Amino acid sequence: MTSVGQKKILIIDDSKLSRLQSRLTLEKRCFVVSELENADDYFKCLWNYTDIGLILLDLRLPGMSGVDVLKRMQEYSCNSWPPVIIVSGNQDAQTIAETIKLGAKDYLVKPVNEEELLQRVERHFGCVSEITKQECPAVKQLWCMFFTGNAAALGSGVAVLDGTTVAGGTSRFYFTGYCNLLSNPVSARLTVAQYAPGPSVFGSSFSKYILVLTGIQDKDEIALTGYMEEHPSNTVTSRMKKLADL
């Protein structure tokens, strides 16, 4: 339908106040915003939204729910759907994991901080690199990580977080990317590459791939769930535990 490069956004939310707040925030950065109070009208009039670059989608909607929207997009995967960011008051980890597995690119919990909304949206449009330095943690942090993929152990490793930048590895893989610890749920997007031979739960053909993760932080521990971006059926969970400030 469209490419993510276009700065046009569709908000699907039955709360008029939520739509208004998001629209006013986004228009400050010159985004062009359209609004719908239900998802049924989106699918009935797809031709009106062929230039949309991003959808902000609530989960609790009259008629078709946000989860139903993601399922329909998967069912008709031949269409080039705009990326979807879930914006919901639901903080349940299982729901978050389900939406990510169904193809949502990010998840924001209401009430959404204005600057956080802009950062997440602009990241998907490629307008900014990551969160500004003023809002990043002041010190580097060392974390241990434990991975499980498709219900089989992938191993453990360590990661260094420097602001929103993360780099680390296991005995056979290394990864780089970003991990946003400034919101709950947290989110991460990691490029994973194999550097040593050995079996992989995801199969020997996957020597390099991208993991998209989201989860809940509880003090110095984080539980993450996600999927391989290239093959969403390949799921992964990760537990992170903070070891030290560096």
C-alpha atoms as a PDB file:
ATOM      1  CA  MET A   1       0.000   0.000   0.000  1.00  0.00           C
ATOM      2  CA  THR A   2       2.651   2.483   0.982  1.00  0.00           C
ATOM      3  CA  SER A   3       6.175   2.900   2.292  1.00  0.00           C
ATOM      4  CA  VAL A   4       7.135   3.945   5.783  1.00  0.00           C
ATOM      5  CA  GLY A   5       8.914   6.965   4.378  1.00  0.00           C
ATOM      6  CA  GLN A   6       5.694   8.948   4.074  1.00  0.00           C
ATOM      7  CA  LYS A   7       4.871  11.120   7.089  1.00  0.00           C
ATOM      8  CA  LYS A   8       1.149  10.377   7.164  1.00  0.00           C
ATOM      9  CA  ILE A   9      -0.322   8.663  10.214  1.00  0.00           C
ATOM     10  CA  LEU A  10      -3.692   7.037  10.884  1.00  0.00           C
ATOM     11  CA  ILE A  11      -4.935   6.888  14.481  1.00  0.00           C
ATOM     12  CA  ILE A  12      -7.558   4.191  15.158  1.00  0.00           C
ATOM     13  CA  ASP A  13      -8.941   4.733  18.656  1.00  0.00           C
ATOM     14  CA  ASP A  14     -12.480   5.004  20.004  1.00  0.00           C
ATOM     15  CA  SER A  15     -11.410   7.613  22.575  1.00  0.00           C
ATOM     16  CA  LYS A  16     -11.885  11.072  21.124  1.00  0.00           C
ATOM     17  CA  LEU A  17      -9.621  12.552  23.816  1.00  0.00           C
ATOM     18  CA  SER A  18      -6.802  10.080  23.080  1.00  0.00           C
ATOM     19  CA  ARG A  19      -7.031  10.802  19.358  1.00  0.00           C
ATOM     20  CA  LEU A  20      -6.974  14.546  19.975  1.00  0.00           C
ATOM     21  CA  GLN A  21      -3.948  14.374  22.273  1.00  0.00           C
ATOM     22  CA  SER A  22      -1.980  12.224  19.840  1.00  0.00           C
ATOM     23  CA  ARG A  23      -2.937  14.333  16.835  1.00  0.00           C
ATOM     24  CA  LEU A  24      -1.907  17.615  18.475  1.00  0.00           C
ATOM     25  CA  THR A  25       1.405  16.073  19.548  1.00  0.00           C
ATOM     26  CA  LEU A  26       2.182  14.682  16.102  1.00  0.00           C
ATOM     27  CA  GLU A  27       1.167  17.803  14.216  1.00  0.00           C
ATOM     28  CA  LYS A  28       3.840  19.720  16.130  1.00  0.00           C
ATOM     29  CA  ARG A  29       6.369  17.712  14.089  1.00  0.00           C
ATOM     30  CA  CYS A  30       4.483  18.265  10.827  1.00  0.00           C
ATOM     31  CA  PHE A  31       2.966  14.786  10.591  1.00  0.00           C
ATOM     32  CA  VAL A  32      -0.295  14.623   8.651  1.00  0.00           C
ATOM     33  CA  VAL A  33      -2.833  12.801  10.848  1.00  0.00           C
ATOM     34  CA  SER A  34      -6.102  11.051  10.006  1.00  0.00           C
ATOM     35  CA  GLU A  35      -8.461   9.597  12.614  1.00  0.00           C
ATOM     36  CA  LEU A  36     -10.928   6.719  12.865  1.00  0.00           C
ATOM     37  CA  GLU A  37     -12.911   5.591  15.906  1.00  0.00           C
ATOM     38  CA  ASN A  38     -13.131   1.968  14.734  1.00  0.00           C
ATOM     39  CA  ALA A  39     -11.139  -0.424  12.557  1.00  0.00           C
ATOM     40  CA  ASP A  40     -14.102  -1.601  10.471  1.00  0.00           C
ATOM     41  CA  ASP A  41     -14.170   1.738   8.636  1.00  0.00           C
ATOM     42  CA  TYR A  42     -10.484   1.361   7.788  1.00  0.00           C
ATOM     43  CA  PHE A  43     -10.973  -1.951   5.993  1.00  0.00           C
ATOM     44  CA  LYS A  44     -14.185  -0.765   4.330  1.00  0.00           C
ATOM     45  CA  CYS A  45     -12.384   2.217   2.765  1.00  0.00           C
ATOM     46  CA  LEU A  46      -8.793   1.083   2.265  1.00  0.00           C
ATOM     47  CA  TRP A  47      -8.516   3.156  -0.906  1.00  0.00           C
ATOM     48  CA  ASN A  48      -8.768   6.295   1.224  1.00  0.00           C
ATOM     49  CA  TYR A  49      -5.623   5.342   3.169  1.00  0.00           C
ATOM     50  CA  THR A  50      -3.172   4.176   0.527  1.00  0.00           C
ATOM     51  CA  ASP A  51      -0.697   6.919   1.474  1.00  0.00           C
ATOM     52  CA  ILE A  52      -0.586   6.102   5.207  1.00  0.00           C
ATOM     53  CA  GLY A  53       2.938   5.459   6.495  1.00  0.00           C
ATOM     54  CA  LEU A  54       2.072   4.336  10.034  1.00  0.00           C
ATOM     55  CA  ILE A  55      -0.962   3.262  12.083  1.00  0.00           C
ATOM     56  CA  LEU A  56      -1.407   3.978  15.797  1.00  0.00           C
ATOM     57  CA  LEU A  57      -3.850   1.294  16.907  1.00  0.00           C
ATOM     58  CA  ASP A  58      -5.814   0.884  20.128  1.00  0.00           C
ATOM     59  CA  LEU A  59      -6.671  -2.667  21.193  1.00  0.00           C
ATOM     60  CA  ARG A  60     -10.115  -2.166  22.742  1.00  0.00           C
ATOM     61  CA  LEU A  61     -12.267  -0.978  19.863  1.00  0.00           C
ATOM     62  CA  PRO A  62     -15.972  -1.324  19.050  1.00  0.00           C
ATOM     63  CA  GLY A  63     -16.488  -4.147  16.581  1.00  0.00           C
ATOM     64  CA  MET A  64     -13.126  -5.341  15.292  1.00  0.00           C
ATOM     65  CA  SER A  65     -10.481  -5.283  18.031  1.00  0.00           C
ATOM     66  CA  GLY A  66      -6.865  -4.258  17.561  1.00  0.00           C
ATOM     67  CA  VAL A  67      -5.793  -7.904  17.741  1.00  0.00           C
ATOM     68  CA  ASP A  68      -8.361  -8.721  15.023  1.00  0.00           C
ATOM     69  CA  VAL A  69      -6.803  -6.004  12.859  1.00  0.00           C
ATOM     70  CA  LEU A  70      -3.353  -7.572  13.163  1.00  0.00           C
ATOM     71  CA  LYS A  71      -4.754 -11.028  12.402  1.00  0.00           C
ATOM     72  CA  ARG A  72      -6.490  -9.750   9.269  1.00  0.00           C
ATOM     73  CA  MET A  73      -3.264  -8.099   8.113  1.00  0.00           C
ATOM     74  CA  GLN A  74      -1.476 -11.426   8.553  1.00  0.00           C
ATOM     75  CA  GLU A  75      -4.261 -13.267   6.743  1.00  0.00           C
ATOM     76  CA  TYR A  76      -3.933 -10.934   3.750  1.00  0.00           C
ATOM     77  CA  SER A  77      -0.158 -10.656   3.864  1.00  0.00           C
ATOM     78  CA  CYS A  78      -0.057 -10.132   0.086  1.00  0.00           C
ATOM     79  CA  ASN A  79      -1.006  -6.514   0.848  1.00  0.00           C
ATOM     80  CA  SER A  80       1.779  -4.141   1.828  1.00  0.00           C
ATOM     81  CA  TRP A  81       0.272  -2.934   5.110  1.00  0.00           C
ATOM     82  CA  PRO A  82       1.608   0.111   6.958  1.00  0.00           C
ATOM     83  CA  PRO A  83       3.574  -0.704  10.128  1.00  0.00           C
ATOM     84  CA  VAL A  84       1.467  -0.671  13.303  1.00  0.00           C
ATOM     85  CA  ILE A  85       2.276   0.716  16.747  1.00  0.00           C
ATOM     86  CA  ILE A  86      -0.118  -0.443  19.462  1.00  0.00           C
ATOM     87  CA  VAL A  87      -1.215   2.342  21.844  1.00  0.00           C
ATOM     88  CA  SER A  88      -3.239   0.754  24.638  1.00  0.00           C
ATOM     89  CA  GLY A  89      -3.960   0.905  28.344  1.00  0.00           C
ATOM     90  CA  ASN A  90      -3.441  -2.876  28.534  1.00  0.00           C
ATOM     91  CA  GLN A  91      -0.122  -3.673  30.267  1.00  0.00           C
ATOM     92  CA  ASP A  92      -0.539  -7.463  30.295  1.00  0.00           C
ATOM     93  CA  ALA A  93       2.736  -9.081  29.173  1.00  0.00           C
ATOM     94  CA  GLN A  94       0.929 -11.890  27.329  1.00  0.00           C
ATOM     95  CA  THR A  95      -1.117  -9.390  25.327  1.00  0.00           C
ATOM     96  CA  ILE A  96       1.990  -7.387  24.470  1.00  0.00           C
ATOM     97  CA  ALA A  97       3.770 -10.539  23.313  1.00  0.00           C
ATOM     98  CA  GLU A  98       0.764 -11.599  21.218  1.00  0.00           C
ATOM     99  CA  THR A  99       0.579  -8.274  19.377  1.00  0.00           C
ATOM    100  CA  ILE A 100       4.307  -8.305  18.624  1.00  0.00           C
ATOM    101  CA  LYS A 101       4.064 -11.874  17.349  1.00  0.00           C
ATOM    102  CA  LEU A 102       1.145 -10.812  15.139  1.00  0.00           C
ATOM    103  CA  GLY A 103       3.287  -8.126  13.520  1.00  0.00           C
ATOM    104  CA  ALA A 104       2.980  -4.946  15.593  1.00  0.00           C
ATOM    105  CA  LYS A 105       6.251  -3.019  15.411  1.00  0.00           C
ATOM    106  CA  ASP A 106       6.016  -1.391  18.843  1.00  0.00           C
ATOM    107  CA  TYR A 107       3.798  -1.099  21.909  1.00  0.00           C
ATOM    108  CA  LEU A 108       3.029   1.994  23.973  1.00  0.00           C
ATOM    109  CA  VAL A 109       1.042   1.992  27.210  1.00  0.00           C
ATOM    110  CA  LYS A 110      -1.508   4.742  27.873  1.00  0.00           C
ATOM    111  CA  PRO A 111      -1.302   7.395  29.113  1.00  0.00           C
ATOM    112  CA  VAL A 112       1.527   8.025  26.644  1.00  0.00           C
ATOM    113  CA  ASN A 113       4.155  10.632  27.362  1.00  0.00           C
ATOM    114  CA  GLU A 114       4.215  13.201  24.551  1.00  0.00           C
ATOM    115  CA  GLU A 115       7.955  12.988  23.939  1.00  0.00           C
ATOM    116  CA  GLU A 116       7.941   9.202  24.034  1.00  0.00           C
ATOM    117  CA  LEU A 117       5.195   9.087  21.402  1.00  0.00           C
ATOM    118  CA  LEU A 118       7.223  11.351  19.146  1.00  0.00           C
ATOM    119  CA  GLN A 119      10.390   9.325  19.648  1.00  0.00           C
ATOM    120  CA  ARG A 120       8.724   6.017  18.800  1.00  0.00           C
ATOM    121  CA  VAL A 121       6.916   7.425  15.766  1.00  0.00           C
ATOM    122  CA  GLU A 122       9.958   9.267  14.434  1.00  0.00           C
ATOM    123  CA  ARG A 123      12.083   6.145  14.875  1.00  0.00           C
ATOM    124  CA  HIS A 124       9.755   4.232  12.562  1.00  0.00           C
ATOM    125  CA  PHE A 125       9.878   7.022  10.002  1.00  0.00           C
ATOM    126  CA  GLY A 126      13.663   7.279  10.318  1.00  0.00           C
ATOM    127  CA  CYS A 127      13.453  10.931  11.417  1.00  0.00           C
ATOM    128  CA  VAL A 128      15.659  10.452  14.469  1.00  0.00           C
ATOM    129  CA  SER A 129      18.221   7.857  15.440  1.00  0.00           C
ATOM    130  CA  GLU A 130      17.191   7.113  19.036  1.00  0.00           C
ATOM    131  CA  ILE A 131      16.266   8.849  22.294  1.00  0.00           C
ATOM    132  CA  THR A 132      18.116  12.069  23.018  1.00  0.00           C
ATOM    133  CA  LYS A 133      21.215  11.961  25.175  1.00  0.00           C
ATOM    134  CA  GLN A 134      19.603  14.115  27.856  1.00  0.00           C
ATOM    135  CA  GLU A 135      17.071  11.361  28.536  1.00  0.00           C
ATOM    136  CA  CYS A 136      19.481   8.403  28.399  1.00  0.00           C
ATOM    137  CA  PRO A 137      20.790   6.654  31.495  1.00  0.00           C
ATOM    138  CA  ALA A 138      23.882   8.492  32.765  1.00  0.00           C
ATOM    139  CA  VAL A 139      26.046   5.354  33.029  1.00  0.00           C
ATOM    140  CA  LYS A 140      26.776   2.229  31.068  1.00  0.00           C
ATOM    141  CA  GLN A 141      25.200  -0.910  32.435  1.00  0.00           C
ATOM    142  CA  LEU A 142      26.232  -4.571  32.308  1.00  0.00           C
ATOM    143  CA  TRP A 143      23.425  -7.127  32.015  1.00  0.00           C
ATOM    144  CA  CYS A 144      23.326 -10.924  31.748  1.00  0.00           C
ATOM    145  CA  MET A 145      20.835 -12.406  29.282  1.00  0.00           C
ATOM    146  CA  PHE A 146      19.204 -15.837  28.952  1.00  0.00           C
ATOM    147  CA  PHE A 147      17.551 -16.798  25.646  1.00  0.00           C
ATOM    148  CA  THR A 148      14.936 -19.394  24.720  1.00  0.00           C
ATOM    149  CA  GLY A 149      13.683 -19.810  21.162  1.00  0.00           C
ATOM    150  CA  ASN A 150      10.633 -21.826  20.080  1.00  0.00           C
ATOM    151  CA  ALA A 151      10.649 -23.450  23.551  1.00  0.00           C
ATOM    152  CA  ALA A 152      14.301 -24.599  23.285  1.00  0.00           C
ATOM    153  CA  ALA A 153      17.259 -23.014  25.068  1.00  0.00           C
ATOM    154  CA  LEU A 154      19.393 -20.693  22.934  1.00  0.00           C
ATOM    155  CA  GLY A 155      21.991 -20.060  25.621  1.00  0.00           C
ATOM    156  CA  SER A 156      23.088 -17.188  27.798  1.00  0.00           C
ATOM    157  CA  GLY A 157      25.308 -14.182  27.340  1.00  0.00           C
ATOM    158  CA  VAL A 158      26.039 -10.645  28.422  1.00  0.00           C
ATOM    159  CA  ALA A 159      25.093  -7.226  27.106  1.00  0.00           C
ATOM    160  CA  VAL A 160      26.368  -3.696  27.667  1.00  0.00           C
ATOM    161  CA  LEU A 161      23.769  -0.933  27.513  1.00  0.00           C
ATOM    162  CA  ASP A 162      25.086   2.541  26.775  1.00  0.00           C
ATOM    163  CA  GLY A 163      22.069   4.831  26.744  1.00  0.00           C
ATOM    164  CA  THR A 164      19.783   3.136  24.242  1.00  0.00           C
ATOM    165  CA  THR A 165      22.598   1.335  22.426  1.00  0.00           C
ATOM    166  CA  VAL A 166      23.135  -2.320  23.270  1.00  0.00           C
ATOM    167  CA  ALA A 167      25.934  -4.712  22.286  1.00  0.00           C
ATOM    168  CA  GLY A 168      26.682  -8.193  23.546  1.00  0.00           C
ATOM    169  CA  GLY A 169      26.823 -11.844  22.706  1.00  0.00           C
ATOM    170  CA  THR A 170      26.721 -15.510  23.616  1.00  0.00           C
ATOM    171  CA  SER A 171      29.251 -18.271  22.960  1.00  0.00           C
ATOM    172  CA  ARG A 172      28.244 -18.403  19.279  1.00  0.00           C
ATOM    173  CA  PHE A 173      26.349 -15.190  18.462  1.00  0.00           C
ATOM    174  CA  TYR A 174      26.903 -11.472  18.897  1.00  0.00           C
ATOM    175  CA  PHE A 175      24.242  -8.772  18.703  1.00  0.00           C
ATOM    176  CA  THR A 176      23.978  -5.008  18.391  1.00  0.00           C
ATOM    177  CA  GLY A 177      21.015  -2.670  18.360  1.00  0.00           C
ATOM    178  CA  TYR A 178      18.891  -0.590  20.732  1.00  0.00           C
ATOM    179  CA  CYS A 179      17.032  -1.283  23.961  1.00  0.00           C
ATOM    180  CA  ASN A 180      14.768   1.404  25.402  1.00  0.00           C
ATOM    181  CA  LEU A 181      14.645   1.099  29.205  1.00  0.00           C
ATOM    182  CA  LEU A 182      12.988   4.469  29.716  1.00  0.00           C
ATOM    183  CA  SER A 183       9.460   3.135  29.296  1.00  0.00           C
ATOM    184  CA  ASN A 184       7.517   0.152  30.557  1.00  0.00           C
ATOM    185  CA  PRO A 185       6.995  -1.978  28.515  1.00  0.00           C
ATOM    186  CA  VAL A 186      10.576  -1.794  27.279  1.00  0.00           C
ATOM    187  CA  SER A 187      11.433  -2.519  23.656  1.00  0.00           C
ATOM    188  CA  ALA A 188      14.494  -3.739  21.802  1.00  0.00           C
ATOM    189  CA  ARG A 189      15.565  -4.407  18.224  1.00  0.00           C
ATOM    190  CA  LEU A 190      18.734  -6.459  17.816  1.00  0.00           C
ATOM    191  CA  THR A 191      20.746  -7.529  14.786  1.00  0.00           C
ATOM    192  CA  VAL A 192      22.097 -10.992  15.607  1.00  0.00           C
ATOM    193  CA  ALA A 193      25.018 -12.611  13.754  1.00  0.00           C
ATOM    194  CA  GLN A 194      26.705 -15.997  14.208  1.00  0.00           C
ATOM    195  CA  TYR A 195      30.486 -15.979  14.586  1.00  0.00           C
ATOM    196  CA  ALA A 196      31.188 -19.544  15.765  1.00  0.00           C
ATOM    197  CA  PRO A 197      29.904 -22.871  14.384  1.00  0.00           C
ATOM    198  CA  GLY A 198      27.244 -24.818  16.206  1.00  0.00           C
ATOM    199  CA  PRO A 199      23.554 -25.727  16.128  1.00  0.00           C
ATOM    200  CA  SER A 200      20.865 -23.090  16.311  1.00  0.00           C
ATOM    201  CA  VAL A 201      17.276 -23.471  17.428  1.00  0.00           C
ATOM    202  CA  PHE A 202      16.302 -21.302  14.465  1.00  0.00           C
ATOM    203  CA  GLY A 203      18.109 -23.584  11.985  1.00  0.00           C
ATOM    204  CA  SER A 204      21.503 -23.513  10.338  1.00  0.00           C
ATOM    205  CA  SER A 205      20.310 -21.198   7.542  1.00  0.00           C
ATOM    206  CA  PHE A 206      19.869 -18.300   9.940  1.00  0.00           C
ATOM    207  CA  SER A 207      23.397 -17.008  10.452  1.00  0.00           C
ATOM    208  CA  LYS A 208      22.174 -13.397  10.672  1.00  0.00           C
ATOM    209  CA  TYR A 209      18.749 -12.055  11.576  1.00  0.00           C
ATOM    210  CA  ILE A 210      16.866  -9.318  13.433  1.00  0.00           C
ATOM    211  CA  LEU A 211      15.059  -9.854  16.738  1.00  0.00           C
ATOM    212  CA  VAL A 212      12.198  -7.566  17.768  1.00  0.00           C
ATOM    213  CA  LEU A 213      11.522  -7.738  21.509  1.00  0.00           C
ATOM    214  CA  THR A 214       9.239  -6.132  24.046  1.00  0.00           C
ATOM    215  CA  GLY A 215       8.630  -6.810  27.715  1.00  0.00           C
ATOM    216  CA  ILE A 216       8.199  -5.689  31.292  1.00  0.00           C
ATOM    217  CA  GLN A 217      10.917  -4.329  33.585  1.00  0.00           C
ATOM    218  CA  ASP A 218      10.776  -5.034  37.321  1.00  0.00           C
ATOM    219  CA  LYS A 219      13.604  -3.188  39.079  1.00  0.00           C
ATOM    220  CA  ASP A 220      16.851  -4.793  37.831  1.00  0.00           C
ATOM    221  CA  GLU A 221      15.211  -7.602  35.863  1.00  0.00           C
ATOM    222  CA  ILE A 222      13.479  -7.607  32.468  1.00  0.00           C
ATOM    223  CA  ALA A 223      11.340 -10.330  30.859  1.00  0.00           C
ATOM    224  CA  LEU A 224      11.250  -9.993  27.061  1.00  0.00           C
ATOM    225  CA  THR A 225       9.334 -11.801  24.348  1.00  0.00           C
ATOM    226  CA  GLY A 226       9.588 -11.343  20.609  1.00  0.00           C
ATOM    227  CA  TYR A 227      10.218 -12.850  17.207  1.00  0.00           C
ATOM    228  CA  MET A 228      12.604 -13.001  14.283  1.00  0.00           C
ATOM    229  CA  GLU A 229      11.618 -10.111  12.006  1.00  0.00           C
ATOM    230  CA  GLU A 230      12.273 -12.083   8.827  1.00  0.00           C
ATOM    231  CA  HIS A 231      10.298 -15.124  10.064  1.00  0.00           C
ATOM    232  CA  PRO A 232       7.766 -14.121  12.771  1.00  0.00           C
ATOM    233  CA  SER A 233       6.890 -17.753  13.551  1.00  0.00           C
ATOM    234  CA  ASN A 234      10.370 -18.076  15.070  1.00  0.00           C
ATOM    235  CA  THR A 235       9.764 -16.751  18.565  1.00  0.00           C
ATOM    236  CA  VAL A 236      12.198 -15.984  21.339  1.00  0.00           C
ATOM    237  CA  THR A 237      12.050 -15.090  25.010  1.00  0.00           C
ATOM    238  CA  SER A 238      14.808 -13.485  27.027  1.00  0.00           C
ATOM    239  CA  ARG A 239      15.418 -12.713  30.669  1.00  0.00           C
ATOM    240  CA  MET A 240      17.809  -9.901  31.547  1.00  0.00           C
ATOM    241  CA  LYS A 241      19.339  -9.218  34.939  1.00  0.00           C
ATOM    242  CA  LYS A 242      21.402  -6.151  35.708  1.00  0.00           C
ATOM    243  CA  LEU A 243      24.869  -6.962  37.019  1.00  0.00           C
ATOM    244  CA  ALA A 244      26.545  -3.571  37.453  1.00  0.00           C
ATOM    245  CA  ASP A 245      26.893   0.053  36.425  1.00  0.00           C
ATOM    246  CA  LEU A 246      30.105   0.543  34.454  1.00  0.00           C
END
